[in-house]
Amino acid sequence: MGKRTYAIIGTGALGGFYGAKLQKAGNNVHFLLKSDYLQVKQHGLLIESKDGDFILPQVNAYNDAEKMPRCDVVVVALKTTQNHLLPQILPSVVKHDGVVLVLQNGIGIEAEISQIVSNTYILGGLCFLCSNKVSPGHIHHLDYGQIALGEYASNYLPTGITDRMREIAGDFQNAGISIELAEDLLLGRWKKLVWNIPYNGLSVILNATTDELMADIHTCQLVKQLMFEVAAGAKSTGRIIPDSFIQTMLDYTVKMTPYRTSMKIDFDECRPLEVEAIFGNSLNKAESAGVNLPQIRCLYQQLQFLNARIQNSVLT
């Protein structure tokens, strides 16, 4: 396969960062935007990064998916709360036999996308990235950035490491993005939830950053208990997460730059929360296998209340 073309669906803190890195490395990248469209169309993208700042003064910016060219790889970087838009976007943007790369939080998303597009391959990427959008077209990369990449097969059967994964990983690695290839996408998604469920949920409910959660003996213990519940959920689907991985995630968070999670930012900005993709889908998978996750369900119910309050405030 020659030089691949990329479409970035959702040019925010995550999609904007990875898409800008891909373009900086010489790839042909097309960005779909909404509120930031005019700013980015006129002035490009500014990336402020711990790895070095850079500006892309000109980018291929669009505010209408139907005006975008069909691309080899379509990167879905929207929040999952906007996935209802994908049936109107994906079919016109991805090439026949192209790839949809899902860079979203949660579980079960690839299965949903497989119902939208046919004659395409679907990959999932688990992003370990601390990045915020400071203002339209301005992204601040704080820490990390690596992606664990896996391929989707029906019912999340493990695919091993495919040639498609290696080719796309090569493009990202050439752009300075660290990539880990995962033989089992479902296991990778459960591993990401080991971090996402406790820190996203508690950051909203307790109004806390990651460093504050880790500094307090009580919340640190609660984080650990939630991580072990995620591991129990994974086990219910036949995926084993070792205790050592949980300790690695705890150590990783202690060392990282103090961070306001993406869900906390959405909450503070009165935007819908990714409650279903991260919490609801996980609970459904575990409970359909007869496994109860009481502390995760407690978080889920509290977040549902707060999310409904946000939705009501927007409507009024």
C-alpha atoms as a PDB file:
ATOM      1  CA  MET A   1       0.000   0.000   0.000  1.00  0.00           C
ATOM      2  CA  GLY A   2       1.366   3.425  -0.951  1.00  0.00           C
ATOM      3  CA  LYS A   3       1.113   6.627   0.998  1.00  0.00           C
ATOM      4  CA  ARG A   4      -2.158   6.529   2.924  1.00  0.00           C
ATOM      5  CA  THR A   5      -4.625   9.401   3.162  1.00  0.00           C
ATOM      6  CA  TYR A   6      -6.111  10.125   6.580  1.00  0.00           C
ATOM      7  CA  ALA A   7      -9.379  11.724   7.669  1.00  0.00           C
ATOM      8  CA  ILE A   8      -9.701  13.008  11.228  1.00  0.00           C
ATOM      9  CA  ILE A   9     -13.320  12.989  12.415  1.00  0.00           C
ATOM     10  CA  GLY A  10     -13.267  15.246  15.457  1.00  0.00           C
ATOM     11  CA  THR A  11     -10.373  17.697  15.597  1.00  0.00           C
ATOM     12  CA  GLY A  12     -10.210  18.223  19.345  1.00  0.00           C
ATOM     13  CA  ALA A  13      -7.578  17.567  21.980  1.00  0.00           C
ATOM     14  CA  LEU A  14      -6.995  14.023  20.744  1.00  0.00           C
ATOM     15  CA  GLY A  15      -7.833  14.044  17.034  1.00  0.00           C
ATOM     16  CA  GLY A  16      -6.190  17.414  16.491  1.00  0.00           C
ATOM     17  CA  PHE A  17      -2.996  16.302  18.207  1.00  0.00           C
ATOM     18  CA  TYR A  18      -2.584  12.993  16.370  1.00  0.00           C
ATOM     19  CA  GLY A  19      -3.750  14.413  13.048  1.00  0.00           C
ATOM     20  CA  ALA A  20      -1.323  17.322  13.298  1.00  0.00           C
ATOM     21  CA  LYS A  21       1.548  14.954  14.087  1.00  0.00           C
ATOM     22  CA  LEU A  22       0.644  12.818  11.058  1.00  0.00           C
ATOM     23  CA  GLN A  23       0.562  15.865   8.770  1.00  0.00           C
ATOM     24  CA  LYS A  24       3.817  17.226  10.171  1.00  0.00           C
ATOM     25  CA  ALA A  25       5.426  13.896   9.241  1.00  0.00           C
ATOM     26  CA  GLY A  26       4.325  14.310   5.624  1.00  0.00           C
ATOM     27  CA  ASN A  27       1.030  12.436   5.515  1.00  0.00           C
ATOM     28  CA  ASN A  28      -1.984  13.702   3.567  1.00  0.00           C
ATOM     29  CA  VAL A  29      -4.503  14.500   6.342  1.00  0.00           C
ATOM     30  CA  HIS A  30      -8.045  15.926   6.144  1.00  0.00           C
ATOM     31  CA  PHE A  31      -9.723  17.386   9.239  1.00  0.00           C
ATOM     32  CA  LEU A  32     -13.458  17.540   9.959  1.00  0.00           C
ATOM     33  CA  LEU A  33     -14.346  20.363  12.349  1.00  0.00           C
ATOM     34  CA  LYS A  34     -17.402  22.032  13.762  1.00  0.00           C
ATOM     35  CA  SER A  35     -17.069  25.170  15.918  1.00  0.00           C
ATOM     36  CA  ASP A  36     -13.328  25.546  15.191  1.00  0.00           C
ATOM     37  CA  TYR A  37     -13.713  25.382  11.408  1.00  0.00           C
ATOM     38  CA  LEU A  38     -13.157  29.044  10.466  1.00  0.00           C
ATOM     39  CA  GLN A  39     -10.232  29.494  12.849  1.00  0.00           C
ATOM     40  CA  VAL A  40      -8.450  26.364  11.603  1.00  0.00           C
ATOM     41  CA  LYS A  41      -9.292  27.014   7.949  1.00  0.00           C
ATOM     42  CA  GLN A  42      -7.747  30.484   8.168  1.00  0.00           C
ATOM     43  CA  HIS A  43      -4.897  29.939  10.624  1.00  0.00           C
ATOM     44  CA  GLY A  44      -4.188  26.212  10.820  1.00  0.00           C
ATOM     45  CA  LEU A  45      -3.322  24.280  13.978  1.00  0.00           C
ATOM     46  CA  LEU A  46      -1.059  25.219  16.878  1.00  0.00           C
ATOM     47  CA  ILE A  47       0.317  22.338  18.917  1.00  0.00           C
ATOM     48  CA  GLU A  48       1.932  23.182  22.238  1.00  0.00           C
ATOM     49  CA  SER A  49       3.667  20.003  23.345  1.00  0.00           C
ATOM     50  CA  LYS A  50       6.110  18.696  25.890  1.00  0.00           C
ATOM     51  CA  ASP A  51       7.875  17.113  22.897  1.00  0.00           C
ATOM     52  CA  GLY A  52       8.228  20.443  21.091  1.00  0.00           C
ATOM     53  CA  ASP A  53       5.777  23.089  19.889  1.00  0.00           C
ATOM     54  CA  PHE A  54       4.860  23.428  16.220  1.00  0.00           C
ATOM     55  CA  ILE A  55       2.412  25.203  13.933  1.00  0.00           C
ATOM     56  CA  LEU A  56       0.700  23.900  10.809  1.00  0.00           C
ATOM     57  CA  PRO A  57      -0.272  27.173   9.084  1.00  0.00           C
ATOM     58  CA  GLN A  58      -2.328  25.362   6.443  1.00  0.00           C
ATOM     59  CA  VAL A  59      -4.455  22.260   6.884  1.00  0.00           C
ATOM     60  CA  ASN A  60      -7.205  20.590   4.854  1.00  0.00           C
ATOM     61  CA  ALA A  61     -10.180  21.741   6.951  1.00  0.00           C
ATOM     62  CA  TYR A  62     -13.839  20.873   6.330  1.00  0.00           C
ATOM     63  CA  ASN A  63     -17.128  21.530   8.086  1.00  0.00           C
ATOM     64  CA  ASP A  64     -19.074  19.077   5.914  1.00  0.00           C
ATOM     65  CA  ALA A  65     -18.127  15.401   5.636  1.00  0.00           C
ATOM     66  CA  GLU A  66     -19.615  15.166   2.138  1.00  0.00           C
ATOM     67  CA  LYS A  67     -17.012  17.656   0.891  1.00  0.00           C
ATOM     68  CA  MET A  68     -14.137  15.503   2.147  1.00  0.00           C
ATOM     69  CA  PRO A  69     -12.325  13.098  -0.178  1.00  0.00           C
ATOM     70  CA  ARG A  70     -12.616   9.383   0.472  1.00  0.00           C
ATOM     71  CA  CYS A  71      -9.623   8.391   2.582  1.00  0.00           C
ATOM     72  CA  ASP A  72      -7.700   5.186   3.224  1.00  0.00           C
ATOM     73  CA  VAL A  73      -7.885   5.596   7.004  1.00  0.00           C
ATOM     74  CA  VAL A  74     -10.695   7.412   8.812  1.00  0.00           C
ATOM     75  CA  VAL A  75      -9.787   8.236  12.406  1.00  0.00           C
ATOM     76  CA  VAL A  76     -12.843   8.560  14.661  1.00  0.00           C
ATOM     77  CA  ALA A  77     -11.823  10.954  17.436  1.00  0.00           C
ATOM     78  CA  LEU A  78     -15.243  12.301  18.419  1.00  0.00           C
ATOM     79  CA  LYS A  79     -16.565  11.883  21.921  1.00  0.00           C
ATOM     80  CA  THR A  80     -18.839   8.836  21.988  1.00  0.00           C
ATOM     81  CA  THR A  81     -21.730  11.146  22.900  1.00  0.00           C
ATOM     82  CA  GLN A  82     -21.595  12.258  19.241  1.00  0.00           C
ATOM     83  CA  ASN A  83     -21.553   8.782  17.692  1.00  0.00           C
ATOM     84  CA  HIS A  84     -25.132   9.238  16.521  1.00  0.00           C
ATOM     85  CA  LEU A  85     -23.566  11.416  13.783  1.00  0.00           C
ATOM     86  CA  LEU A  86     -21.373   8.629  12.394  1.00  0.00           C
ATOM     87  CA  PRO A  87     -24.000   7.057  10.074  1.00  0.00           C
ATOM     88  CA  GLN A  88     -24.100  10.406   8.219  1.00  0.00           C
ATOM     89  CA  ILE A  89     -20.306  10.788   8.164  1.00  0.00           C
ATOM     90  CA  LEU A  90     -18.479   7.499   7.715  1.00  0.00           C
ATOM     91  CA  PRO A  91     -20.034   6.041   4.535  1.00  0.00           C
ATOM     92  CA  SER A  92     -19.024   9.071   2.452  1.00  0.00           C
ATOM     93  CA  VAL A  93     -15.484   9.429   3.849  1.00  0.00           C
ATOM     94  CA  VAL A  94     -13.969   5.933   4.027  1.00  0.00           C
ATOM     95  CA  LYS A  95     -12.754   4.172   0.884  1.00  0.00           C
ATOM     96  CA  HIS A  96     -13.932   0.725  -0.150  1.00  0.00           C
ATOM     97  CA  ASP A  97     -11.585  -1.681   1.667  1.00  0.00           C
ATOM     98  CA  GLY A  98     -10.401   1.256   3.760  1.00  0.00           C
ATOM     99  CA  VAL A  99      -9.881   1.356   7.513  1.00  0.00           C
ATOM    100  CA  VAL A 100     -11.888   3.000  10.276  1.00  0.00           C
ATOM    101  CA  LEU A 101      -9.605   3.592  13.266  1.00  0.00           C
ATOM    102  CA  VAL A 102     -11.614   4.189  16.445  1.00  0.00           C
ATOM    103  CA  LEU A 103      -9.729   6.365  18.959  1.00  0.00           C
ATOM    104  CA  GLN A 104     -12.479   6.552  21.578  1.00  0.00           C
ATOM    105  CA  ASN A 105     -12.960   5.599  25.195  1.00  0.00           C
ATOM    106  CA  GLY A 106     -15.239   2.799  26.295  1.00  0.00           C
ATOM    107  CA  ILE A 107     -16.103  -0.675  25.094  1.00  0.00           C
ATOM    108  CA  GLY A 108     -18.252  -2.155  22.344  1.00  0.00           C
ATOM    109  CA  ILE A 109     -17.815   0.788  19.970  1.00  0.00           C
ATOM    110  CA  GLU A 110     -16.225  -1.131  17.093  1.00  0.00           C
ATOM    111  CA  ALA A 111     -19.191  -3.509  17.019  1.00  0.00           C
ATOM    112  CA  GLU A 112     -21.522  -0.518  16.642  1.00  0.00           C
ATOM    113  CA  ILE A 113     -19.431   0.957  13.818  1.00  0.00           C
ATOM    114  CA  SER A 114     -19.407  -2.388  11.996  1.00  0.00           C
ATOM    115  CA  GLN A 115     -23.162  -1.904  11.586  1.00  0.00           C
ATOM    116  CA  ILE A 116     -22.613   1.474   9.875  1.00  0.00           C
ATOM    117  CA  VAL A 117     -19.958   0.647   7.282  1.00  0.00           C
ATOM    118  CA  SER A 118     -19.361  -2.469   5.228  1.00  0.00           C
ATOM    119  CA  ASN A 119     -16.414  -3.510   3.037  1.00  0.00           C
ATOM    120  CA  THR A 120     -14.057  -1.833   5.494  1.00  0.00           C
ATOM    121  CA  TYR A 121     -11.712  -2.940   8.240  1.00  0.00           C
ATOM    122  CA  ILE A 122     -12.110  -1.619  11.776  1.00  0.00           C
ATOM    123  CA  LEU A 123      -9.253  -1.008  14.169  1.00  0.00           C
ATOM    124  CA  GLY A 124      -9.415   0.246  17.714  1.00  0.00           C
ATOM    125  CA  GLY A 125      -6.823   2.457  19.364  1.00  0.00           C
ATOM    126  CA  LEU A 126      -6.464   2.899  23.130  1.00  0.00           C
ATOM    127  CA  CYS A 127      -4.880   6.296  23.657  1.00  0.00           C
ATOM    128  CA  PHE A 128      -2.828   7.070  26.740  1.00  0.00           C
ATOM    129  CA  LEU A 129      -2.693  10.798  26.200  1.00  0.00           C
ATOM    130  CA  CYS A 130      -2.878  13.885  28.400  1.00  0.00           C
ATOM    131  CA  SER A 131      -3.987  16.636  26.041  1.00  0.00           C
ATOM    132  CA  ASN A 132      -6.405  19.568  26.214  1.00  0.00           C
ATOM    133  CA  LYS A 133      -7.863  21.966  23.656  1.00  0.00           C
ATOM    134  CA  VAL A 134      -6.945  25.419  24.964  1.00  0.00           C
ATOM    135  CA  SER A 135      -8.857  27.412  22.344  1.00  0.00           C
ATOM    136  CA  PRO A 136     -10.014  26.919  18.735  1.00  0.00           C
ATOM    137  CA  GLY A 137      -7.142  25.358  16.797  1.00  0.00           C
ATOM    138  CA  HIS A 138      -4.813  25.412  19.832  1.00  0.00           C
ATOM    139  CA  ILE A 139      -3.996  22.094  21.508  1.00  0.00           C
ATOM    140  CA  HIS A 140      -1.827  21.632  24.586  1.00  0.00           C
ATOM    141  CA  HIS A 141      -0.154  18.217  24.857  1.00  0.00           C
ATOM    142  CA  LEU A 142       0.804  17.708  28.504  1.00  0.00           C
ATOM    143  CA  ASP A 143       2.083  14.148  28.785  1.00  0.00           C
ATOM    144  CA  TYR A 144       2.295  10.673  27.256  1.00  0.00           C
ATOM    145  CA  GLY A 145       0.718   9.988  23.857  1.00  0.00           C
ATOM    146  CA  GLN A 146       1.166   6.288  23.116  1.00  0.00           C
ATOM    147  CA  ILE A 147      -1.530   4.196  21.444  1.00  0.00           C
ATOM    148  CA  ALA A 148      -2.293   0.490  21.842  1.00  0.00           C
ATOM    149  CA  LEU A 149      -3.630  -0.652  18.468  1.00  0.00           C
ATOM    150  CA  GLY A 150      -5.762  -3.729  17.783  1.00  0.00           C
ATOM    151  CA  GLU A 151      -7.999  -5.020  14.990  1.00  0.00           C
ATOM    152  CA  TYR A 152     -11.691  -5.765  15.413  1.00  0.00           C
ATOM    153  CA  ALA A 153     -13.292  -9.072  14.422  1.00  0.00           C
ATOM    154  CA  SER A 154     -16.889 -10.161  14.961  1.00  0.00           C
ATOM    155  CA  ASN A 155     -17.671 -10.770  18.656  1.00  0.00           C
ATOM    156  CA  TYR A 156     -14.222  -9.374  19.495  1.00  0.00           C
ATOM    157  CA  LEU A 157     -12.417 -12.580  18.622  1.00  0.00           C
ATOM    158  CA  PRO A 158      -8.658 -11.986  18.909  1.00  0.00           C
ATOM    159  CA  THR A 159      -7.096 -11.304  15.497  1.00  0.00           C
ATOM    160  CA  GLY A 160      -3.429 -11.348  16.365  1.00  0.00           C
ATOM    161  CA  ILE A 161      -1.206  -8.723  14.759  1.00  0.00           C
ATOM    162  CA  THR A 162      -2.288  -8.043  11.178  1.00  0.00           C
ATOM    163  CA  ASP A 163      -0.465  -6.403   8.263  1.00  0.00           C
ATOM    164  CA  ARG A 164      -2.956  -3.482   8.422  1.00  0.00           C
ATOM    165  CA  MET A 165      -2.022  -2.851  12.025  1.00  0.00           C
ATOM    166  CA  ARG A 166       1.689  -2.843  11.158  1.00  0.00           C
ATOM    167  CA  GLU A 167       1.216  -0.458   8.200  1.00  0.00           C
ATOM    168  CA  ILE A 168      -0.826   2.105  10.143  1.00  0.00           C
ATOM    169  CA  ALA A 169       1.446   1.738  13.165  1.00  0.00           C
ATOM    170  CA  GLY A 170       4.346   2.597  10.870  1.00  0.00           C
ATOM    171  CA  ASP A 171       2.724   5.889   9.868  1.00  0.00           C
ATOM    172  CA  PHE A 172       2.119   6.828  13.499  1.00  0.00           C
ATOM    173  CA  GLN A 173       5.615   5.806  14.569  1.00  0.00           C
ATOM    174  CA  ASN A 174       7.132   7.865  11.735  1.00  0.00           C
ATOM    175  CA  ALA A 175       5.154  10.791  13.162  1.00  0.00           C
ATOM    176  CA  GLY A 176       6.776  10.311  16.566  1.00  0.00           C
ATOM    177  CA  ILE A 177       3.825   8.536  18.175  1.00  0.00           C
ATOM    178  CA  SER A 178       4.613   5.461  20.249  1.00  0.00           C
ATOM    179  CA  ILE A 179       2.535   2.424  19.211  1.00  0.00           C
ATOM    180  CA  GLU A 180       1.960  -0.909  20.910  1.00  0.00           C
ATOM    181  CA  LEU A 181       0.330  -3.660  18.826  1.00  0.00           C
ATOM    182  CA  ALA A 182      -2.321  -5.656  20.672  1.00  0.00           C
ATOM    183  CA  GLU A 183      -3.277  -9.167  19.604  1.00  0.00           C
ATOM    184  CA  ASP A 184      -6.620  -8.928  21.428  1.00  0.00           C
ATOM    185  CA  LEU A 185      -8.569  -5.662  21.072  1.00  0.00           C
ATOM    186  CA  LEU A 186     -11.161  -6.543  23.725  1.00  0.00           C
ATOM    187  CA  LEU A 187      -8.442  -7.172  26.302  1.00  0.00           C
ATOM    188  CA  GLY A 188      -6.884  -3.848  25.327  1.00  0.00           C
ATOM    189  CA  ARG A 189     -10.178  -2.041  25.848  1.00  0.00           C
ATOM    190  CA  TRP A 190     -10.662  -3.595  29.296  1.00  0.00           C
ATOM    191  CA  LYS A 191      -7.108  -2.567  30.202  1.00  0.00           C
ATOM    192  CA  LYS A 192      -7.870   1.028  29.219  1.00  0.00           C
ATOM    193  CA  LEU A 193     -10.983   0.928  31.401  1.00  0.00           C
ATOM    194  CA  VAL A 194      -8.774   0.025  34.376  1.00  0.00           C
ATOM    195  CA  TRP A 195      -7.698   3.676  34.205  1.00  0.00           C
ATOM    196  CA  ASN A 196     -10.754   5.333  32.670  1.00  0.00           C
ATOM    197  CA  ILE A 197     -13.419   4.047  35.027  1.00  0.00           C
ATOM    198  CA  PRO A 198     -11.930   5.134  38.365  1.00  0.00           C
ATOM    199  CA  TYR A 199     -10.271   8.378  37.317  1.00  0.00           C
ATOM    200  CA  ASN A 200     -12.936   9.726  34.957  1.00  0.00           C
ATOM    201  CA  GLY A 201     -15.766   8.797  37.309  1.00  0.00           C
ATOM    202  CA  LEU A 202     -14.230   9.952  40.569  1.00  0.00           C
ATOM    203  CA  SER A 203     -12.807  13.151  39.080  1.00  0.00           C
ATOM    204  CA  VAL A 204     -16.356  14.264  38.290  1.00  0.00           C
ATOM    205  CA  ILE A 205     -18.099  13.037  41.433  1.00  0.00           C
ATOM    206  CA  LEU A 206     -15.380  14.262  43.826  1.00  0.00           C
ATOM    207  CA  ASN A 207     -14.339  17.361  41.829  1.00  0.00           C
ATOM    208  CA  ALA A 208     -10.705  16.247  41.844  1.00  0.00           C
ATOM    209  CA  THR A 209      -7.665  15.987  39.592  1.00  0.00           C
ATOM    210  CA  THR A 210      -5.646  12.791  39.279  1.00  0.00           C
ATOM    211  CA  ASP A 211      -2.952  13.903  41.711  1.00  0.00           C
ATOM    212  CA  GLU A 212      -5.568  14.787  44.348  1.00  0.00           C
ATOM    213  CA  LEU A 213      -7.178  11.362  44.028  1.00  0.00           C
ATOM    214  CA  MET A 214      -3.821   9.646  44.483  1.00  0.00           C
ATOM    215  CA  ALA A 215      -2.671  11.850  47.373  1.00  0.00           C
ATOM    216  CA  ASP A 216      -5.543  10.888  49.672  1.00  0.00           C
ATOM    217  CA  ILE A 217      -5.377   7.448  51.316  1.00  0.00           C
ATOM    218  CA  HIS A 218      -9.140   6.890  51.068  1.00  0.00           C
ATOM    219  CA  THR A 219      -9.608   7.846  47.421  1.00  0.00           C
ATOM    220  CA  CYS A 220      -6.412   6.017  46.446  1.00  0.00           C
ATOM    221  CA  GLN A 221      -7.856   2.860  48.000  1.00  0.00           C
ATOM    222  CA  LEU A 222     -11.160   3.433  46.204  1.00  0.00           C
ATOM    223  CA  VAL A 223      -9.342   3.816  42.879  1.00  0.00           C
ATOM    224  CA  LYS A 224      -7.610   0.493  43.484  1.00  0.00           C
ATOM    225  CA  GLN A 225     -10.874  -1.261  44.388  1.00  0.00           C
ATOM    226  CA  LEU A 226     -12.510   0.042  41.215  1.00  0.00           C
ATOM    227  CA  MET A 227      -9.570  -1.192  39.146  1.00  0.00           C
ATOM    228  CA  PHE A 228      -9.998  -4.696  40.558  1.00  0.00           C
ATOM    229  CA  GLU A 229     -13.703  -4.545  39.673  1.00  0.00           C
ATOM    230  CA  VAL A 230     -12.777  -3.697  36.085  1.00  0.00           C
ATOM    231  CA  ALA A 231     -10.494  -6.741  36.104  1.00  0.00           C
ATOM    232  CA  ALA A 232     -13.457  -8.814  37.305  1.00  0.00           C
ATOM    233  CA  GLY A 233     -15.507  -7.449  34.407  1.00  0.00           C
ATOM    234  CA  ALA A 234     -12.763  -8.388  31.985  1.00  0.00           C
ATOM    235  CA  LYS A 235     -12.605 -11.898  33.432  1.00  0.00           C
ATOM    236  CA  SER A 236     -16.346 -12.289  32.848  1.00  0.00           C
ATOM    237  CA  THR A 237     -15.619 -11.939  29.102  1.00  0.00           C
ATOM    238  CA  GLY A 238     -12.680 -14.326  29.204  1.00  0.00           C
ATOM    239  CA  ARG A 239      -9.939 -11.680  29.428  1.00  0.00           C
ATOM    240  CA  ILE A 240      -7.422 -11.761  32.274  1.00  0.00           C
ATOM    241  CA  ILE A 241      -5.816  -8.582  33.608  1.00  0.00           C
ATOM    242  CA  PRO A 242      -2.946  -9.377  35.997  1.00  0.00           C
ATOM    243  CA  ASP A 243      -2.616  -7.634  39.353  1.00  0.00           C
ATOM    244  CA  SER A 244       0.746  -6.296  38.191  1.00  0.00           C
ATOM    245  CA  PHE A 245      -1.013  -4.263  35.478  1.00  0.00           C
ATOM    246  CA  ILE A 246      -3.191  -2.581  38.100  1.00  0.00           C
ATOM    247  CA  GLN A 247      -0.109  -1.623  40.102  1.00  0.00           C
ATOM    248  CA  THR A 248       1.491  -0.279  36.927  1.00  0.00           C
ATOM    249  CA  MET A 249      -1.540   1.962  36.314  1.00  0.00           C
ATOM    250  CA  LEU A 250      -1.402   3.271  39.881  1.00  0.00           C
ATOM    251  CA  ASP A 251       2.320   4.002  39.585  1.00  0.00           C
ATOM    252  CA  TYR A 252       1.798   5.560  36.139  1.00  0.00           C
ATOM    253  CA  THR A 253      -0.797   7.983  37.529  1.00  0.00           C
ATOM    254  CA  VAL A 254       1.329   9.021  40.501  1.00  0.00           C
ATOM    255  CA  LYS A 255       4.145   9.988  38.110  1.00  0.00           C
ATOM    256  CA  MET A 256       2.029  11.752  35.482  1.00  0.00           C
ATOM    257  CA  THR A 257       1.483  15.494  35.303  1.00  0.00           C
ATOM    258  CA  PRO A 258      -1.534  16.459  37.484  1.00  0.00           C
ATOM    259  CA  TYR A 259      -4.438  16.051  35.129  1.00  0.00           C
ATOM    260  CA  ARG A 260      -8.061  17.060  34.828  1.00  0.00           C
ATOM    261  CA  THR A 261      -9.645  14.106  33.049  1.00  0.00           C
ATOM    262  CA  SER A 262     -11.581  14.436  29.807  1.00  0.00           C
ATOM    263  CA  MET A 263     -14.840  13.618  31.590  1.00  0.00           C
ATOM    264  CA  LYS A 264     -14.144  16.276  34.216  1.00  0.00           C
ATOM    265  CA  ILE A 265     -13.507  18.840  31.480  1.00  0.00           C
ATOM    266  CA  ASP A 266     -16.778  17.882  29.799  1.00  0.00           C
ATOM    267  CA  PHE A 267     -18.582  18.189  33.128  1.00  0.00           C
ATOM    268  CA  ASP A 268     -17.048  21.592  33.883  1.00  0.00           C
ATOM    269  CA  GLU A 269     -18.024  22.782  30.392  1.00  0.00           C
ATOM    270  CA  CYS A 270     -21.587  21.403  30.803  1.00  0.00           C
ATOM    271  CA  ARG A 271     -21.145  18.983  27.921  1.00  0.00           C
ATOM    272  CA  PRO A 272     -22.707  15.478  27.830  1.00  0.00           C
ATOM    273  CA  LEU A 273     -20.639  12.835  29.611  1.00  0.00           C
ATOM    274  CA  GLU A 274     -19.465   9.542  28.067  1.00  0.00           C
ATOM    275  CA  VAL A 275     -21.322   7.560  30.699  1.00  0.00           C
ATOM    276  CA  GLU A 276     -22.741   4.779  28.526  1.00  0.00           C
ATOM    277  CA  ALA A 277     -19.640   3.953  26.484  1.00  0.00           C
ATOM    278  CA  ILE A 278     -17.349   3.772  29.518  1.00  0.00           C
ATOM    279  CA  PHE A 279     -19.617   2.633  32.357  1.00  0.00           C
ATOM    280  CA  GLY A 280     -22.907   1.377  30.954  1.00  0.00           C
ATOM    281  CA  ASN A 281     -21.436  -0.887  28.267  1.00  0.00           C
ATOM    282  CA  SER A 282     -18.931  -2.351  30.726  1.00  0.00           C
ATOM    283  CA  LEU A 283     -21.662  -3.131  33.257  1.00  0.00           C
ATOM    284  CA  ASN A 284     -23.851  -4.686  30.576  1.00  0.00           C
ATOM    285  CA  LYS A 285     -21.086  -7.011  29.402  1.00  0.00           C
ATOM    286  CA  ALA A 286     -20.253  -8.167  32.930  1.00  0.00           C
ATOM    287  CA  GLU A 287     -23.833  -8.505  34.109  1.00  0.00           C
ATOM    288  CA  SER A 288     -24.852 -10.466  31.008  1.00  0.00           C
ATOM    289  CA  ALA A 289     -22.200 -12.967  32.130  1.00  0.00           C
ATOM    290  CA  GLY A 290     -23.687 -13.019  35.650  1.00  0.00           C
ATOM    291  CA  VAL A 291     -21.012 -10.837  37.284  1.00  0.00           C
ATOM    292  CA  ASN A 292     -22.033  -7.955  39.551  1.00  0.00           C
ATOM    293  CA  LEU A 293     -19.776  -4.867  39.754  1.00  0.00           C
ATOM    294  CA  PRO A 294     -21.348  -2.908  42.641  1.00  0.00           C
ATOM    295  CA  GLN A 295     -18.875  -0.048  42.984  1.00  0.00           C
ATOM    296  CA  ILE A 296     -18.823   0.626  39.250  1.00  0.00           C
ATOM    297  CA  ARG A 297     -22.625   0.542  39.206  1.00  0.00           C
ATOM    298  CA  CYS A 298     -22.635   3.073  42.064  1.00  0.00           C
ATOM    299  CA  LEU A 299     -20.429   5.413  40.007  1.00  0.00           C
ATOM    300  CA  TYR A 300     -22.630   4.828  36.961  1.00  0.00           C
ATOM    301  CA  GLN A 301     -25.807   5.775  38.806  1.00  0.00           C
ATOM    302  CA  GLN A 302     -24.280   8.953  40.224  1.00  0.00           C
ATOM    303  CA  LEU A 303     -22.925   9.973  36.832  1.00  0.00           C
ATOM    304  CA  GLN A 304     -26.298   9.317  35.226  1.00  0.00           C
ATOM    305  CA  PHE A 305     -27.834  11.774  37.685  1.00  0.00           C
ATOM    306  CA  LEU A 306     -25.199  14.436  36.949  1.00  0.00           C
ATOM    307  CA  ASN A 307     -25.428  13.827  33.202  1.00  0.00           C
ATOM    308  CA  ALA A 308     -29.206  14.248  33.275  1.00  0.00           C
ATOM    309  CA  ARG A 309     -28.760  17.518  35.154  1.00  0.00           C
ATOM    310  CA  ILE A 310     -26.405  18.740  32.392  1.00  0.00           C
ATOM    311  CA  GLN A 311     -28.871  17.705  29.686  1.00  0.00           C
ATOM    312  CA  ASN A 312     -31.715  19.493  31.471  1.00  0.00           C
ATOM    313  CA  SER A 313     -29.691  22.671  31.921  1.00  0.00           C
ATOM    314  CA  VAL A 314     -28.875  22.702  28.191  1.00  0.00           C
ATOM    315  CA  LEU A 315     -32.557  22.268  27.300  1.00  0.00           C
ATOM    316  CA  THR A 316     -33.609  25.074  29.612  1.00  0.00           C
END
